[in-house]
Amino acid sequence: MSAWACHLMQSSPRYEKWREILQSDIAPIISPTPINSLLGAEMADVFRLNIVKLTADQRARLIDFIVQKFNVAKATAEAEIETTGFPIRAADVVAFDQRFFN
């Protein structure tokens, strides 16, 4: 078990979409420290999804989402998440250190 956890925030306007993709309120991320990233035309704090920790079904739903949202080929979406990963806005989740809750 990791020392920290990351959960979707139900108050996020993107909660339903993330819940549909992950089928869980737990978001596997690489690090509990957000990074500042360019998303479209805006800068936002994001976490990087841990693609390796996604189940095959979660990965497939994420790829389908990318294909639809960004109008790219499935092979492009697959290559993109393998090489650069995929962000989840820090505003959409809460990451916390579980050691304080045990």
PDB file of N, CA and C in Angstrom:
ATOM      1  N   MET A   1       0.844  -1.182   0.000  1.00  0.00           N
ATOM      2  CA  MET A   1       0.000   0.000   0.000  1.00  0.00           C
ATOM      3  C   MET A   1       0.886   1.240   0.000  1.00  0.00           C
ATOM      4  N   SER A   2       0.527   2.212  -0.795  1.00  0.00           N
ATOM      5  CA  SER A   2       1.256   3.465  -0.884  1.00  0.00           C
ATOM      6  C   SER A   2       1.057   4.289   0.389  1.00  0.00           C
ATOM      7  N   ALA A   3       2.018   5.149   0.687  1.00  0.00           N
ATOM      8  CA  ALA A   3       1.905   6.014   1.867  1.00  0.00           C
ATOM      9  C   ALA A   3       0.882   7.119   1.643  1.00  0.00           C
ATOM     10  N   TRP A   4       0.489   7.346   0.403  1.00  0.00           N
ATOM     11  CA  TRP A   4      -0.479   8.399   0.095  1.00  0.00           C
ATOM     12  C   TRP A   4      -1.557   7.855  -0.825  1.00  0.00           C
ATOM     13  N   ALA A   5      -2.675   8.563  -0.856  1.00  0.00           N
ATOM     14  CA  ALA A   5      -3.814   8.158  -1.691  1.00  0.00           C
ATOM     15  C   ALA A   5      -4.351   9.381  -2.429  1.00  0.00           C
ATOM     16  N   CYS A   6      -5.025   9.121  -3.527  1.00  0.00           N
ATOM     17  CA  CYS A   6      -5.609  10.194  -4.327  1.00  0.00           C
ATOM     18  C   CYS A   6      -7.043   9.794  -4.686  1.00  0.00           C
ATOM     19  N   HIS A   7      -7.993  10.641  -4.322  1.00  0.00           N
ATOM     20  CA  HIS A   7      -9.404  10.351  -4.554  1.00  0.00           C
ATOM     21  C   HIS A   7     -10.061  11.456  -5.372  1.00  0.00           C
ATOM     22  N   LEU A   8     -10.990  11.061  -6.228  1.00  0.00           N
ATOM     23  CA  LEU A   8     -11.768  12.032  -6.993  1.00  0.00           C
ATOM     24  C   LEU A   8     -12.628  12.854  -6.041  1.00  0.00           C
ATOM     25  N   MET A   9     -12.760  14.134  -6.338  1.00  0.00           N
ATOM     26  CA  MET A   9     -13.644  14.994  -5.554  1.00  0.00           C
ATOM     27  C   MET A   9     -14.998  15.046  -6.245  1.00  0.00           C
ATOM     28  N   GLN A  10     -16.050  14.683  -5.529  1.00  0.00           N
ATOM     29  CA  GLN A  10     -17.387  14.661  -6.106  1.00  0.00           C
ATOM     30  C   GLN A  10     -17.867  16.048  -6.495  1.00  0.00           C
ATOM     31  N   SER A  11     -17.267  17.083  -5.935  1.00  0.00           N
ATOM     32  CA  SER A  11     -17.655  18.455  -6.267  1.00  0.00           C
ATOM     33  C   SER A  11     -17.050  18.943  -7.585  1.00  0.00           C
ATOM     34  N   SER A  12     -16.145  18.172  -8.159  1.00  0.00           N
ATOM     35  CA  SER A  12     -15.506  18.557  -9.420  1.00  0.00           C
ATOM     36  C   SER A  12     -16.511  18.503 -10.574  1.00  0.00           C
ATOM     37  N   PRO A  13     -16.460  19.478 -11.482  1.00  0.00           N
ATOM     38  CA  PRO A  13     -17.348  19.409 -12.647  1.00  0.00           C
ATOM     39  C   PRO A  13     -16.994  18.252 -13.592  1.00  0.00           C
ATOM     40  N   ARG A  14     -15.808  17.677 -13.407  1.00  0.00           N
ATOM     41  CA  ARG A  14     -15.365  16.552 -14.240  1.00  0.00           C
ATOM     42  C   ARG A  14     -15.478  15.206 -13.507  1.00  0.00           C
ATOM     43  N   TYR A  15     -16.091  15.223 -12.327  1.00  0.00           N
ATOM     44  CA  TYR A  15     -16.195  13.996 -11.520  1.00  0.00           C
ATOM     45  C   TYR A  15     -16.861  12.852 -12.281  1.00  0.00           C
ATOM     46  N   GLU A  16     -18.014  13.111 -12.868  1.00  0.00           N
ATOM     47  CA  GLU A  16     -18.766  12.037 -13.548  1.00  0.00           C
ATOM     48  C   GLU A  16     -17.944  11.403 -14.662  1.00  0.00           C
ATOM     49  N   LYS A  17     -17.222  12.215 -15.435  1.00  0.00           N
ATOM     50  CA  LYS A  17     -16.413  11.675 -16.537  1.00  0.00           C
ATOM     51  C   LYS A  17     -15.270  10.824 -15.989  1.00  0.00           C
ATOM     52  N   TRP A  18     -14.571  11.327 -14.949  1.00  0.00           N
ATOM     53  CA  TRP A  18     -13.491  10.537 -14.366  1.00  0.00           C
ATOM     54  C   TRP A  18     -14.029   9.261 -13.732  1.00  0.00           C
ATOM     55  N   ARG A  19     -15.172   9.354 -13.094  1.00  0.00           N
ATOM     56  CA  ARG A  19     -15.786   8.174 -12.456  1.00  0.00           C
ATOM     57  C   ARG A  19     -16.145   7.141 -13.521  1.00  0.00           C
ATOM     58  N   GLU A  20     -16.615   7.602 -14.669  1.00  0.00           N
ATOM     59  CA  GLU A  20     -16.938   6.714 -15.787  1.00  0.00           C
ATOM     60  C   GLU A  20     -15.679   6.010 -16.302  1.00  0.00           C
ATOM     61  N   ILE A  21     -14.584   6.757 -16.401  1.00  0.00           N
ATOM     62  CA  ILE A  21     -13.328   6.188 -16.896  1.00  0.00           C
ATOM     63  C   ILE A  21     -12.727   5.214 -15.886  1.00  0.00           C
ATOM     64  N   LEU A  22     -12.623   5.641 -14.624  1.00  0.00           N
ATOM     65  CA  LEU A  22     -11.943   4.837 -13.608  1.00  0.00           C
ATOM     66  C   LEU A  22     -12.826   3.785 -12.949  1.00  0.00           C
ATOM     67  N   GLN A  23     -14.170   3.997 -12.979  1.00  0.00           N
ATOM     68  CA  GLN A  23     -15.101   3.107 -12.284  1.00  0.00           C
ATOM     69  C   GLN A  23     -14.728   2.985 -10.804  1.00  0.00           C
ATOM     70  N   SER A  24     -14.187   4.070 -10.270  1.00  0.00           N
ATOM     71  CA  SER A  24     -13.727   4.115  -8.896  1.00  0.00           C
ATOM     72  C   SER A  24     -13.527   5.579  -8.514  1.00  0.00           C
ATOM     73  N   ASP A  25     -13.487   5.858  -7.227  1.00  0.00           N
ATOM     74  CA  ASP A  25     -13.150   7.200  -6.764  1.00  0.00           C
ATOM     75  C   ASP A  25     -11.653   7.342  -6.515  1.00  0.00           C
ATOM     76  N   ILE A  26     -10.909   6.265  -6.703  1.00  0.00           N
ATOM     77  CA  ILE A  26      -9.462   6.293  -6.507  1.00  0.00           C
ATOM     78  C   ILE A  26      -8.782   6.549  -7.847  1.00  0.00           C
ATOM     79  N   ALA A  27      -7.912   7.554  -7.860  1.00  0.00           N
ATOM     80  CA  ALA A  27      -7.164   7.892  -9.072  1.00  0.00           C
ATOM     81  C   ALA A  27      -5.697   7.534  -8.856  1.00  0.00           C
ATOM     82  N   PRO A  28      -5.168   6.577  -9.606  1.00  0.00           N
ATOM     83  CA  PRO A  28      -3.753   6.228  -9.448  1.00  0.00           C
ATOM     84  C   PRO A  28      -2.872   7.313 -10.076  1.00  0.00           C
ATOM     85  N   ILE A  29      -2.078   7.962  -9.250  1.00  0.00           N
ATOM     86  CA  ILE A  29      -1.195   9.012  -9.757  1.00  0.00           C
ATOM     87  C   ILE A  29       0.256   8.646  -9.466  1.00  0.00           C
ATOM     88  N   ILE A  30       1.162   9.273 -10.187  1.00  0.00           N
ATOM     89  CA  ILE A  30       2.583   8.963 -10.041  1.00  0.00           C
ATOM     90  C   ILE A  30       3.169   9.585  -8.780  1.00  0.00           C
ATOM     91  N   SER A  31       2.768  10.813  -8.480  1.00  0.00           N
ATOM     92  CA  SER A  31       3.329  11.534  -7.336  1.00  0.00           C
ATOM     93  C   SER A  31       2.239  12.358  -6.671  1.00  0.00           C
ATOM     94  N   PRO A  32       2.309  12.528  -5.345  1.00  0.00           N
ATOM     95  CA  PRO A  32       1.305  13.342  -4.659  1.00  0.00           C
ATOM     96  C   PRO A  32       1.583  14.840  -4.761  1.00  0.00           C
ATOM     97  N   THR A  33       2.627  15.203  -5.492  1.00  0.00           N
ATOM     98  CA  THR A  33       2.973  16.606  -5.671  1.00  0.00           C
ATOM     99  C   THR A  33       2.510  17.064  -7.048  1.00  0.00           C
ATOM    100  N   PRO A  34       1.584  18.031  -7.107  1.00  0.00           N
ATOM    101  CA  PRO A  34       1.112  18.490  -8.423  1.00  0.00           C
ATOM    102  C   PRO A  34       2.184  19.278  -9.165  1.00  0.00           C
ATOM    103  N   ILE A  35       2.055  19.289 -10.482  1.00  0.00           N
ATOM    104  CA  ILE A  35       2.943  20.085 -11.331  1.00  0.00           C
ATOM    105  C   ILE A  35       2.087  21.067 -12.126  1.00  0.00           C
ATOM    106  N   ASN A  36       2.685  22.178 -12.533  1.00  0.00           N
ATOM    107  CA  ASN A  36       1.981  23.167 -13.331  1.00  0.00           C
ATOM    108  C   ASN A  36       2.136  22.784 -14.792  1.00  0.00           C
ATOM    109  N   SER A  37       1.023  22.711 -15.509  1.00  0.00           N
ATOM    110  CA  SER A  37       1.047  22.227 -16.887  1.00  0.00           C
ATOM    111  C   SER A  37       0.096  23.043 -17.757  1.00  0.00           C
ATOM    112  N   LEU A  38       0.404  23.115 -19.032  1.00  0.00           N
ATOM    113  CA  LEU A  38      -0.465  23.791 -19.991  1.00  0.00           C
ATOM    114  C   LEU A  38      -1.547  22.810 -20.445  1.00  0.00           C
ATOM    115  N   LEU A  39      -2.797  23.171 -20.179  1.00  0.00           N
ATOM    116  CA  LEU A  39      -3.946  22.374 -20.621  1.00  0.00           C
ATOM    117  C   LEU A  39      -4.757  23.248 -21.565  1.00  0.00           C
ATOM    118  N   GLY A  40      -4.651  22.959 -22.840  1.00  0.00           N
ATOM    119  CA  GLY A  40      -5.317  23.811 -23.823  1.00  0.00           C
ATOM    120  C   GLY A  40      -4.673  25.185 -23.795  1.00  0.00           C
ATOM    121  N   ALA A  41      -5.463  26.200 -23.461  1.00  0.00           N
ATOM    122  CA  ALA A  41      -4.952  27.575 -23.435  1.00  0.00           C
ATOM    123  C   ALA A  41      -4.681  28.062 -22.017  1.00  0.00           C
ATOM    124  N   GLU A  42      -4.784  27.184 -21.018  1.00  0.00           N
ATOM    125  CA  GLU A  42      -4.605  27.630 -19.637  1.00  0.00           C
ATOM    126  C   GLU A  42      -3.560  26.798 -18.901  1.00  0.00           C
ATOM    127  N   MET A  43      -2.971  27.427 -17.895  1.00  0.00           N
ATOM    128  CA  MET A  43      -2.052  26.727 -17.012  1.00  0.00           C
ATOM    129  C   MET A  43      -2.867  26.190 -15.834  1.00  0.00           C
ATOM    130  N   ALA A  44      -2.566  24.971 -15.416  1.00  0.00           N
ATOM    131  CA  ALA A  44      -3.291  24.365 -14.303  1.00  0.00           C
ATOM    132  C   ALA A  44      -2.364  23.423 -13.550  1.00  0.00           C
ATOM    133  N   ASP A  45      -2.614  23.287 -12.251  1.00  0.00           N
ATOM    134  CA  ASP A  45      -1.904  22.283 -11.465  1.00  0.00           C
ATOM    135  C   ASP A  45      -2.519  20.933 -11.774  1.00  0.00           C
ATOM    136  N   VAL A  46      -1.668  19.949 -12.051  1.00  0.00           N
ATOM    137  CA  VAL A  46      -2.139  18.613 -12.398  1.00  0.00           C
ATOM    138  C   VAL A  46      -1.296  17.555 -11.699  1.00  0.00           C
ATOM    139  N   PHE A  47      -1.884  16.388 -11.587  1.00  0.00           N
ATOM    140  CA  PHE A  47      -1.150  15.181 -11.221  1.00  0.00           C
ATOM    141  C   PHE A  47      -1.048  14.359 -12.494  1.00  0.00           C
ATOM    142  N   ARG A  48      -0.029  13.524 -12.596  1.00  0.00           N
ATOM    143  CA  ARG A  48       0.083  12.626 -13.740  1.00  0.00           C
ATOM    144  C   ARG A  48      -0.488  11.274 -13.356  1.00  0.00           C
ATOM    145  N   LEU A  49      -1.445  10.794 -14.142  1.00  0.00           N
ATOM    146  CA  LEU A  49      -2.002   9.465 -13.889  1.00  0.00           C
ATOM    147  C   LEU A  49      -0.907   8.412 -14.010  1.00  0.00           C
ATOM    148  N   ASN A  50      -0.958   7.430 -13.160  1.00  0.00           N
ATOM    149  CA  ASN A  50      -0.025   6.320 -13.238  1.00  0.00           C
ATOM    150  C   ASN A  50      -0.639   5.279 -14.186  1.00  0.00           C
ATOM    151  N   ILE A  51      -0.287   5.377 -15.433  1.00  0.00           N
ATOM    152  CA  ILE A  51      -0.859   4.534 -16.487  1.00  0.00           C
ATOM    153  C   ILE A  51      -0.611   3.054 -16.194  1.00  0.00           C
ATOM    154  N   VAL A  52       0.535   2.732 -15.636  1.00  0.00           N
ATOM    155  CA  VAL A  52       0.884   1.345 -15.326  1.00  0.00           C
ATOM    156  C   VAL A  52      -0.081   0.739 -14.308  1.00  0.00           C
ATOM    157  N   LYS A  53      -0.607   1.564 -13.409  1.00  0.00           N
ATOM    158  CA  LYS A  53      -1.514   1.054 -12.366  1.00  0.00           C
ATOM    159  C   LYS A  53      -2.970   0.983 -12.820  1.00  0.00           C
ATOM    160  N   LEU A  54      -3.279   1.493 -14.000  1.00  0.00           N
ATOM    161  CA  LEU A  54      -4.643   1.370 -14.519  1.00  0.00           C
ATOM    162  C   LEU A  54      -4.913  -0.074 -14.901  1.00  0.00           C
ATOM    163  N   THR A  55      -6.129  -0.523 -14.679  1.00  0.00           N
ATOM    164  CA  THR A  55      -6.513  -1.847 -15.167  1.00  0.00           C
ATOM    165  C   THR A  55      -6.645  -1.765 -16.690  1.00  0.00           C
ATOM    166  N   ALA A  56      -6.719  -2.899 -17.338  1.00  0.00           N
ATOM    167  CA  ALA A  56      -6.894  -2.921 -18.792  1.00  0.00           C
ATOM    168  C   ALA A  56      -8.186  -2.201 -19.186  1.00  0.00           C
ATOM    169  N   ASP A  57      -9.253  -2.393 -18.412  1.00  0.00           N
ATOM    170  CA  ASP A  57     -10.528  -1.730 -18.710  1.00  0.00           C
ATOM    171  C   ASP A  57     -10.432  -0.216 -18.517  1.00  0.00           C
ATOM    172  N   GLN A  58      -9.776   0.233 -17.445  1.00  0.00           N
ATOM    173  CA  GLN A  58      -9.609   1.672 -17.219  1.00  0.00           C
ATOM    174  C   GLN A  58      -8.791   2.299 -18.347  1.00  0.00           C
ATOM    175  N   ARG A  59      -7.739   1.606 -18.738  1.00  0.00           N
ATOM    176  CA  ARG A  59      -6.881   2.108 -19.818  1.00  0.00           C
ATOM    177  C   ARG A  59      -7.682   2.220 -21.118  1.00  0.00           C
ATOM    178  N   ALA A  60      -8.479   1.227 -21.408  1.00  0.00           N
ATOM    179  CA  ALA A  60      -9.297   1.233 -22.628  1.00  0.00           C
ATOM    180  C   ALA A  60     -10.299   2.392 -22.596  1.00  0.00           C
ATOM    181  N   ARG A  61     -10.933   2.620 -21.435  1.00  0.00           N
ATOM    182  CA  ARG A  61     -11.891   3.733 -21.330  1.00  0.00           C
ATOM    183  C   ARG A  61     -11.179   5.076 -21.449  1.00  0.00           C
ATOM    184  N   LEU A  62      -9.965   5.188 -20.889  1.00  0.00           N
ATOM    185  CA  LEU A  62      -9.201   6.429 -21.019  1.00  0.00           C
ATOM    186  C   LEU A  62      -8.844   6.680 -22.483  1.00  0.00           C
ATOM    187  N   ILE A  63      -8.412   5.656 -23.171  1.00  0.00           N
ATOM    188  CA  ILE A  63      -8.068   5.790 -24.592  1.00  0.00           C
ATOM    189  C   ILE A  63      -9.305   6.194 -25.391  1.00  0.00           C
ATOM    190  N   ASP A  64     -10.439   5.564 -25.132  1.00  0.00           N
ATOM    191  CA  ASP A  64     -11.682   5.930 -25.825  1.00  0.00           C
ATOM    192  C   ASP A  64     -12.041   7.400 -25.567  1.00  0.00           C
ATOM    193  N   PHE A  65     -11.867   7.846 -24.319  1.00  0.00           N
ATOM    194  CA  PHE A  65     -12.129   9.245 -23.966  1.00  0.00           C
ATOM    195  C   PHE A  65     -11.226  10.177 -24.772  1.00  0.00           C
ATOM    196  N   ILE A  66      -9.931   9.863 -24.836  1.00  0.00           N
ATOM    197  CA  ILE A  66      -8.969  10.699 -25.569  1.00  0.00           C
ATOM    198  C   ILE A  66      -9.328  10.753 -27.046  1.00  0.00           C
ATOM    199  N   VAL A  67      -9.678   9.607 -27.623  1.00  0.00           N
ATOM    200  CA  VAL A  67     -10.056   9.541 -29.042  1.00  0.00           C
ATOM    201  C   VAL A  67     -11.246  10.458 -29.316  1.00  0.00           C
ATOM    202  N   GLN A  68     -12.261  10.402 -28.453  1.00  0.00           N
ATOM    203  CA  GLN A  68     -13.464  11.216 -28.657  1.00  0.00           C
ATOM    204  C   GLN A  68     -13.213  12.702 -28.372  1.00  0.00           C
ATOM    205  N   LYS A  69     -12.560  12.997 -27.260  1.00  0.00           N
ATOM    206  CA  LYS A  69     -12.372  14.387 -26.846  1.00  0.00           C
ATOM    207  C   LYS A  69     -11.439  15.158 -27.785  1.00  0.00           C
ATOM    208  N   PHE A  70     -10.359  14.506 -28.209  1.00  0.00           N
ATOM    209  CA  PHE A  70      -9.343  15.201 -28.992  1.00  0.00           C
ATOM    210  C   PHE A  70      -9.347  14.816 -30.468  1.00  0.00           C
ATOM    211  N   ASN A  71     -10.299  13.971 -30.868  1.00  0.00           N
ATOM    212  CA  ASN A  71     -10.452  13.585 -32.262  1.00  0.00           C
ATOM    213  C   ASN A  71      -9.132  13.075 -32.861  1.00  0.00           C
ATOM    214  N   VAL A  72      -8.546  12.098 -32.172  1.00  0.00           N
ATOM    215  CA  VAL A  72      -7.296  11.497 -32.638  1.00  0.00           C
ATOM    216  C   VAL A  72      -7.529  10.005 -32.862  1.00  0.00           C
ATOM    217  N   ALA A  73      -6.632   9.393 -33.593  1.00  0.00           N
ATOM    218  CA  ALA A  73      -6.711   7.948 -33.832  1.00  0.00           C
ATOM    219  C   ALA A  73      -6.398   7.187 -32.547  1.00  0.00           C
ATOM    220  N   LYS A  74      -6.945   6.005 -32.435  1.00  0.00           N
ATOM    221  CA  LYS A  74      -6.723   5.179 -31.253  1.00  0.00           C
ATOM    222  C   LYS A  74      -5.229   4.919 -31.045  1.00  0.00           C
ATOM    223  N   ALA A  75      -4.506   4.627 -32.109  1.00  0.00           N
ATOM    224  CA  ALA A  75      -3.059   4.372 -32.009  1.00  0.00           C
ATOM    225  C   ALA A  75      -2.321   5.596 -31.476  1.00  0.00           C
ATOM    226  N   THR A  76      -2.770   6.787 -31.870  1.00  0.00           N
ATOM    227  CA  THR A  76      -2.162   8.026 -31.383  1.00  0.00           C
ATOM    228  C   THR A  76      -2.409   8.187 -29.893  1.00  0.00           C
ATOM    229  N   ALA A  77      -3.636   7.935 -29.463  1.00  0.00           N
ATOM    230  CA  ALA A  77      -3.979   8.036 -28.042  1.00  0.00           C
ATOM    231  C   ALA A  77      -3.169   7.036 -27.224  1.00  0.00           C
ATOM    232  N   GLU A  78      -3.051   5.815 -27.711  1.00  0.00           N
ATOM    233  CA  GLU A  78      -2.275   4.788 -27.007  1.00  0.00           C
ATOM    234  C   GLU A  78      -0.815   5.200 -26.882  1.00  0.00           C
ATOM    235  N   ALA A  79      -0.235   5.678 -27.975  1.00  0.00           N
ATOM    236  CA  ALA A  79       1.172   6.095 -27.961  1.00  0.00           C
ATOM    237  C   ALA A  79       1.379   7.284 -27.027  1.00  0.00           C
ATOM    238  N   GLU A  80       0.436   8.201 -27.034  1.00  0.00           N
ATOM    239  CA  GLU A  80       0.555   9.405 -26.203  1.00  0.00           C
ATOM    240  C   GLU A  80       0.561   9.057 -24.720  1.00  0.00           C
ATOM    241  N   ILE A  81      -0.348   8.210 -24.270  1.00  0.00           N
ATOM    242  CA  ILE A  81      -0.366   7.899 -22.836  1.00  0.00           C
ATOM    243  C   ILE A  81       0.845   7.056 -22.427  1.00  0.00           C
ATOM    244  N   GLU A  82       1.379   6.286 -23.358  1.00  0.00           N
ATOM    245  CA  GLU A  82       2.570   5.484 -23.044  1.00  0.00           C
ATOM    246  C   GLU A  82       3.821   6.347 -22.955  1.00  0.00           C
ATOM    247  N   THR A  83       3.900   7.395 -23.760  1.00  0.00           N
ATOM    248  CA  THR A  83       5.112   8.215 -23.787  1.00  0.00           C
ATOM    249  C   THR A  83       5.046   9.420 -22.850  1.00  0.00           C
ATOM    250  N   THR A  84       3.904  10.082 -22.789  1.00  0.00           N
ATOM    251  CA  THR A  84       3.820  11.299 -21.970  1.00  0.00           C
ATOM    252  C   THR A  84       2.843  11.193 -20.813  1.00  0.00           C
ATOM    253  N   GLY A  85       2.062  10.127 -20.770  1.00  0.00           N
ATOM    254  CA  GLY A  85       1.086   9.970 -19.697  1.00  0.00           C
ATOM    255  C   GLY A  85      -0.162  10.785 -19.960  1.00  0.00           C
ATOM    256  N   PHE A  86      -0.931  11.039 -18.888  1.00  0.00           N
ATOM    257  CA  PHE A  86      -2.154  11.823 -19.026  1.00  0.00           C
ATOM    258  C   PHE A  86      -2.401  12.548 -17.711  1.00  0.00           C
ATOM    259  N   PRO A  87      -2.769  13.831 -17.789  1.00  0.00           N
ATOM    260  CA  PRO A  87      -2.963  14.611 -16.561  1.00  0.00           C
ATOM    261  C   PRO A  87      -4.367  14.477 -15.989  1.00  0.00           C
ATOM    262  N   ILE A  88      -4.445  14.693 -14.698  1.00  0.00           N
ATOM    263  CA  ILE A  88      -5.725  14.878 -14.031  1.00  0.00           C
ATOM    264  C   ILE A  88      -5.559  16.143 -13.189  1.00  0.00           C
ATOM    265  N   ARG A  89      -6.491  17.070 -13.354  1.00  0.00           N
ATOM    266  CA  ARG A  89      -6.376  18.348 -12.650  1.00  0.00           C
ATOM    267  C   ARG A  89      -6.352  18.151 -11.140  1.00  0.00           C
ATOM    268  N   ALA A  90      -5.472  18.900 -10.484  1.00  0.00           N
ATOM    269  CA  ALA A  90      -5.407  18.857  -9.023  1.00  0.00           C
ATOM    270  C   ALA A  90      -6.745  19.282  -8.420  1.00  0.00           C
ATOM    271  N   ALA A  91      -7.475  20.139  -9.120  1.00  0.00           N
ATOM    272  CA  ALA A  91      -8.782  20.599  -8.638  1.00  0.00           C
ATOM    273  C   ALA A  91      -9.833  19.484  -8.664  1.00  0.00           C
ATOM    274  N   ASP A  92      -9.537  18.390  -9.369  1.00  0.00           N
ATOM    275  CA  ASP A  92     -10.495  17.284  -9.491  1.00  0.00           C
ATOM    276  C   ASP A  92     -10.291  16.190  -8.447  1.00  0.00           C
ATOM    277  N   VAL A  93      -9.198  16.265  -7.708  1.00  0.00           N
ATOM    278  CA  VAL A  93      -8.862  15.206  -6.762  1.00  0.00           C
ATOM    279  C   VAL A  93      -8.326  15.780  -5.453  1.00  0.00           C
ATOM    280  N   VAL A  94      -8.232  14.925  -4.472  1.00  0.00           N
ATOM    281  CA  VAL A  94      -7.550  15.267  -3.231  1.00  0.00           C
ATOM    282  C   VAL A  94      -6.536  14.162  -2.969  1.00  0.00           C
ATOM    283  N   ALA A  95      -5.282  14.550  -2.774  1.00  0.00           N
ATOM    284  CA  ALA A  95      -4.214  13.602  -2.463  1.00  0.00           C
ATOM    285  C   ALA A  95      -3.815  13.831  -1.013  1.00  0.00           C
ATOM    286  N   PHE A  96      -3.677  12.741  -0.264  1.00  0.00           N
ATOM    287  CA  PHE A  96      -3.324  12.912   1.137  1.00  0.00           C
ATOM    288  C   PHE A  96      -2.424  11.767   1.606  1.00  0.00           C
ATOM    289  N   ASP A  97      -1.686  12.046   2.654  1.00  0.00           N
ATOM    290  CA  ASP A  97      -0.760  11.101   3.245  1.00  0.00           C
ATOM    291  C   ASP A  97      -1.554  10.191   4.189  1.00  0.00           C
ATOM    292  N   GLN A  98      -1.610   8.903   3.863  1.00  0.00           N
ATOM    293  CA  GLN A  98      -2.380   7.947   4.655  1.00  0.00           C
ATOM    294  C   GLN A  98      -1.742   7.612   5.996  1.00  0.00           C
ATOM    295  N   ARG A  99      -0.456   7.911   6.139  1.00  0.00           N
ATOM    296  CA  ARG A  99       0.231   7.568   7.398  1.00  0.00           C
ATOM    297  C   ARG A  99      -0.405   8.286   8.587  1.00  0.00           C
ATOM    298  N   PHE A 100      -1.040   9.435   8.333  1.00  0.00           N
ATOM    299  CA  PHE A 100      -1.651  10.177   9.411  1.00  0.00           C
ATOM    300  C   PHE A 100      -3.008   9.610   9.811  1.00  0.00           C
ATOM    301  N   PHE A 101      -3.531   8.656   9.048  1.00  0.00           N
ATOM    302  CA  PHE A 101      -4.852   8.103   9.300  1.00  0.00           C
ATOM    303  C   PHE A 101      -4.805   6.653   9.777  1.00  0.00           C
ATOM    304  N   ASN A 102      -3.632   6.121   9.980  1.00  0.00           N
ATOM    305  CA  ASN A 102      -3.506   4.728  10.442  1.00  0.00           C
ATOM    306  C   ASN A 102      -3.275   4.660  11.923  1.00  0.00           C
TER     307      ASN A 102
END
